[in-house]
Amino acid sequence: MHPHLHTKDNMACEEVMTALEECHARGFLWKSMGMCNDAKDQVTLCLRAERLKRTAKNREAAKAKREKIQKAWADIDANS
């Protein structure tokens, strides 16, 4: 399973997602015979790469926020 495809977080995968949708539009037999598996694998890899980028960005933001809070508590402890 994959998340909703067309969101602001997945704009870098737009081309790959369009290829998958075009493959699925060819019909049920095309999908059921595994003809879209390569396109699906590419979408999965692209979405994973985008998720890892977001995760790293969020981790850095959380680290900066945590450091700011720890500094504030250190200042409070030093002044008490």
N, C-alpha and C. Protein backbone atom coordinates (compact mmCIF):
# COMPACT_ATOMS: atom_id res chain seq x y z
N MET A 1 0.83 -1.19 0.00
CA MET A 1 0.00 0.00 0.00
C MET A 1 0.88 1.25 0.00
N HIS A 2 0.36 2.26 -0.58
CA HIS A 2 1.05 3.54 -0.59
C HIS A 2 0.07 4.62 -0.20
N PRO A 3 0.59 5.77 0.24
CA PRO A 3 -0.30 6.87 0.65
C PRO A 3 -0.97 7.48 -0.58
N HIS A 4 -1.81 8.45 -0.33
CA HIS A 4 -2.41 9.18 -1.44
C HIS A 4 -1.28 9.71 -2.32
N LEU A 5 -1.42 9.53 -3.61
CA LEU A 5 -0.31 9.84 -4.50
C LEU A 5 -0.14 11.32 -4.77
N HIS A 6 -1.21 11.99 -5.08
CA HIS A 6 -1.09 13.38 -5.52
C HIS A 6 -1.26 14.34 -4.34
N THR A 7 -0.17 14.51 -3.59
CA THR A 7 -0.15 15.47 -2.49
C THR A 7 1.06 16.37 -2.67
N LYS A 8 1.11 17.42 -1.87
CA LYS A 8 2.23 18.35 -1.98
C LYS A 8 3.56 17.70 -1.61
N ASP A 9 3.52 16.66 -0.79
CA ASP A 9 4.75 16.00 -0.38
C ASP A 9 5.33 15.09 -1.46
N ASN A 10 4.52 14.75 -2.44
CA ASN A 10 4.97 13.79 -3.45
C ASN A 10 5.13 14.41 -4.84
N MET A 11 5.35 15.69 -4.90
CA MET A 11 5.45 16.35 -6.19
C MET A 11 6.65 15.86 -7.01
N ALA A 12 7.71 15.41 -6.36
CA ALA A 12 8.89 14.94 -7.07
C ALA A 12 8.61 13.62 -7.79
N CYS A 13 7.56 12.92 -7.39
CA CYS A 13 7.23 11.62 -7.98
C CYS A 13 6.11 11.71 -9.01
N GLU A 14 5.75 12.89 -9.38
CA GLU A 14 4.61 13.11 -10.27
C GLU A 14 4.73 12.32 -11.59
N GLU A 15 5.90 12.36 -12.18
CA GLU A 15 6.12 11.69 -13.47
C GLU A 15 5.95 10.18 -13.35
N VAL A 16 6.49 9.61 -12.30
CA VAL A 16 6.40 8.16 -12.08
C VAL A 16 4.97 7.75 -11.78
N MET A 17 4.26 8.58 -11.00
CA MET A 17 2.87 8.28 -10.67
C MET A 17 1.99 8.35 -11.91
N THR A 18 2.27 9.29 -12.78
CA THR A 18 1.50 9.41 -14.02
C THR A 18 1.70 8.18 -14.89
N ALA A 19 2.93 7.67 -14.94
CA ALA A 19 3.21 6.46 -15.71
C ALA A 19 2.42 5.27 -15.15
N LEU A 20 2.32 5.17 -13.83
CA LEU A 20 1.55 4.09 -13.21
C LEU A 20 0.07 4.23 -13.53
N GLU A 21 -0.45 5.45 -13.46
CA GLU A 21 -1.87 5.66 -13.77
C GLU A 21 -2.17 5.34 -15.23
N GLU A 22 -1.25 5.69 -16.13
CA GLU A 22 -1.44 5.36 -17.54
C GLU A 22 -1.44 3.85 -17.75
N CYS A 23 -0.58 3.17 -17.03
CA CYS A 23 -0.54 1.72 -17.12
C CYS A 23 -1.85 1.11 -16.61
N HIS A 24 -2.35 1.61 -15.49
CA HIS A 24 -3.60 1.10 -14.95
C HIS A 24 -4.77 1.42 -15.87
N ALA A 25 -4.69 2.52 -16.59
CA ALA A 25 -5.77 2.91 -17.50
C ALA A 25 -5.87 1.97 -18.71
N ARG A 26 -4.86 1.18 -18.95
CA ARG A 26 -4.89 0.25 -20.10
C ARG A 26 -5.87 -0.89 -19.89
N GLY A 27 -6.28 -1.11 -18.66
CA GLY A 27 -7.32 -2.11 -18.43
C GLY A 27 -6.95 -3.13 -17.38
N PHE A 28 -7.95 -3.91 -17.03
CA PHE A 28 -7.81 -4.88 -15.96
C PHE A 28 -6.81 -5.97 -16.31
N LEU A 29 -6.86 -6.49 -17.50
CA LEU A 29 -5.94 -7.58 -17.86
C LEU A 29 -4.50 -7.12 -17.82
N TRP A 30 -4.28 -5.89 -18.23
CA TRP A 30 -2.92 -5.35 -18.21
C TRP A 30 -2.38 -5.34 -16.78
N LYS A 31 -3.22 -4.90 -15.84
CA LYS A 31 -2.82 -4.86 -14.43
C LYS A 31 -2.69 -6.27 -13.85
N SER A 32 -3.67 -7.11 -14.14
CA SER A 32 -3.69 -8.44 -13.52
C SER A 32 -2.58 -9.35 -14.02
N MET A 33 -2.03 -9.08 -15.17
CA MET A 33 -0.93 -9.90 -15.70
C MET A 33 0.43 -9.39 -15.23
N GLY A 34 0.42 -8.37 -14.41
CA GLY A 34 1.67 -7.87 -13.84
C GLY A 34 2.43 -6.93 -14.74
N MET A 35 1.78 -6.36 -15.71
CA MET A 35 2.46 -5.47 -16.65
C MET A 35 2.76 -4.11 -16.02
N CYS A 36 2.12 -3.80 -14.90
CA CYS A 36 2.35 -2.51 -14.24
C CYS A 36 3.28 -2.63 -13.04
N ASN A 37 3.83 -3.80 -12.81
CA ASN A 37 4.66 -4.01 -11.62
C ASN A 37 5.90 -3.13 -11.62
N ASP A 38 6.54 -2.93 -12.75
CA ASP A 38 7.73 -2.08 -12.80
C ASP A 38 7.39 -0.64 -12.43
N ALA A 39 6.28 -0.15 -12.97
CA ALA A 39 5.85 1.21 -12.66
C ALA A 39 5.51 1.33 -11.18
N LYS A 40 4.86 0.31 -10.63
CA LYS A 40 4.51 0.32 -9.20
C LYS A 40 5.76 0.31 -8.34
N ASP A 41 6.76 -0.48 -8.73
CA ASP A 41 8.02 -0.51 -7.99
C ASP A 41 8.71 0.84 -8.01
N GLN A 42 8.67 1.52 -9.15
CA GLN A 42 9.28 2.84 -9.26
C GLN A 42 8.56 3.85 -8.38
N VAL A 43 7.23 3.77 -8.33
CA VAL A 43 6.46 4.67 -7.46
C VAL A 43 6.82 4.41 -6.00
N THR A 44 6.91 3.15 -5.63
CA THR A 44 7.24 2.80 -4.26
C THR A 44 8.62 3.34 -3.87
N LEU A 45 9.60 3.16 -4.75
CA LEU A 45 10.95 3.65 -4.47
C LEU A 45 10.98 5.17 -4.36
N CYS A 46 10.26 5.84 -5.24
CA CYS A 46 10.24 7.30 -5.22
C CYS A 46 9.56 7.81 -3.95
N LEU A 47 8.42 7.22 -3.59
CA LEU A 47 7.72 7.65 -2.38
C LEU A 47 8.56 7.39 -1.14
N ARG A 48 9.28 6.28 -1.13
CA ARG A 48 10.15 5.98 0.01
C ARG A 48 11.25 7.03 0.14
N ALA A 49 11.85 7.39 -1.00
CA ALA A 49 12.91 8.40 -0.98
C ALA A 49 12.38 9.73 -0.46
N GLU A 50 11.19 10.11 -0.90
CA GLU A 50 10.59 11.36 -0.44
C GLU A 50 10.28 11.30 1.05
N ARG A 51 9.79 10.15 1.52
CA ARG A 51 9.49 9.99 2.93
C ARG A 51 10.76 10.09 3.77
N LEU A 52 11.84 9.50 3.30
CA LEU A 52 13.11 9.57 4.03
C LEU A 52 13.63 11.01 4.10
N LYS A 53 13.42 11.78 3.04
CA LYS A 53 13.82 13.19 3.06
C LYS A 53 13.01 13.95 4.10
N ARG A 54 11.69 13.71 4.11
CA ARG A 54 10.83 14.39 5.09
C ARG A 54 11.20 13.98 6.51
N THR A 55 11.50 12.71 6.71
CA THR A 55 11.88 12.22 8.03
C THR A 55 13.15 12.90 8.51
N ALA A 56 14.14 12.99 7.64
CA ALA A 56 15.41 13.64 8.03
C ALA A 56 15.18 15.11 8.36
N LYS A 57 14.36 15.78 7.57
CA LYS A 57 14.06 17.19 7.81
C LYS A 57 13.34 17.36 9.15
N ASN A 58 12.35 16.50 9.41
CA ASN A 58 11.61 16.58 10.67
C ASN A 58 12.52 16.27 11.86
N ARG A 59 13.43 15.32 11.69
CA ARG A 59 14.35 14.97 12.77
C ARG A 59 15.25 16.15 13.12
N GLU A 60 15.74 16.84 12.09
CA GLU A 60 16.59 18.01 12.33
C GLU A 60 15.81 19.13 13.02
N ALA A 61 14.57 19.33 12.59
CA ALA A 61 13.75 20.37 13.23
C ALA A 61 13.48 20.02 14.68
N ALA A 62 13.21 18.76 14.96
CA ALA A 62 12.95 18.33 16.34
C ALA A 62 14.21 18.47 17.19
N LYS A 63 15.35 18.17 16.60
CA LYS A 63 16.61 18.29 17.34
C LYS A 63 16.88 19.75 17.70
N ALA A 64 16.64 20.65 16.75
CA ALA A 64 16.84 22.08 17.01
C ALA A 64 15.87 22.57 18.09
N LYS A 65 14.63 22.13 18.02
CA LYS A 65 13.64 22.53 19.01
C LYS A 65 14.01 22.00 20.39
N ARG A 66 14.45 20.74 20.44
CA ARG A 66 14.85 20.14 21.71
C ARG A 66 16.03 20.88 22.32
N GLU A 67 17.01 21.25 21.48
CA GLU A 67 18.17 22.01 21.98
C GLU A 67 17.75 23.37 22.52
N LYS A 68 16.81 24.01 21.84
CA LYS A 68 16.32 25.31 22.29
C LYS A 68 15.63 25.18 23.65
N ILE A 69 14.83 24.14 23.80
CA ILE A 69 14.13 23.93 25.07
C ILE A 69 15.12 23.61 26.19
N GLN A 70 16.10 22.77 25.89
CA GLN A 70 17.10 22.43 26.90
C GLN A 70 17.90 23.66 27.31
N LYS A 71 18.20 24.53 26.36
CA LYS A 71 18.92 25.77 26.68
C LYS A 71 18.07 26.66 27.56
N ALA A 72 16.78 26.75 27.25
CA ALA A 72 15.88 27.57 28.06
C ALA A 72 15.81 27.02 29.48
N TRP A 73 15.72 25.72 29.65
CA TRP A 73 15.67 25.13 30.99
C TRP A 73 16.99 25.33 31.71
N ALA A 74 18.10 25.24 31.00
CA ALA A 74 19.40 25.48 31.63
C ALA A 74 19.49 26.92 32.12
N ASP A 75 18.97 27.86 31.33
CA ASP A 75 18.97 29.27 31.75
C ASP A 75 18.09 29.46 32.99
N ILE A 76 16.94 28.80 33.01
CA ILE A 76 16.05 28.90 34.17
C ILE A 76 16.72 28.32 35.40
N ASP A 77 17.34 27.16 35.24
CA ASP A 77 18.03 26.54 36.37
C ASP A 77 19.20 27.38 36.86
N ALA A 78 19.92 28.02 35.95
CA ALA A 78 21.06 28.85 36.33
C ALA A 78 20.63 30.12 37.06
N ASN A 79 19.48 30.64 36.73
CA ASN A 79 18.99 31.88 37.32
C ASN A 79 18.10 31.66 38.54
N SER A 80 17.86 30.44 38.91
CA SER A 80 17.00 30.17 40.08
C SER A 80 17.79 30.04 41.33
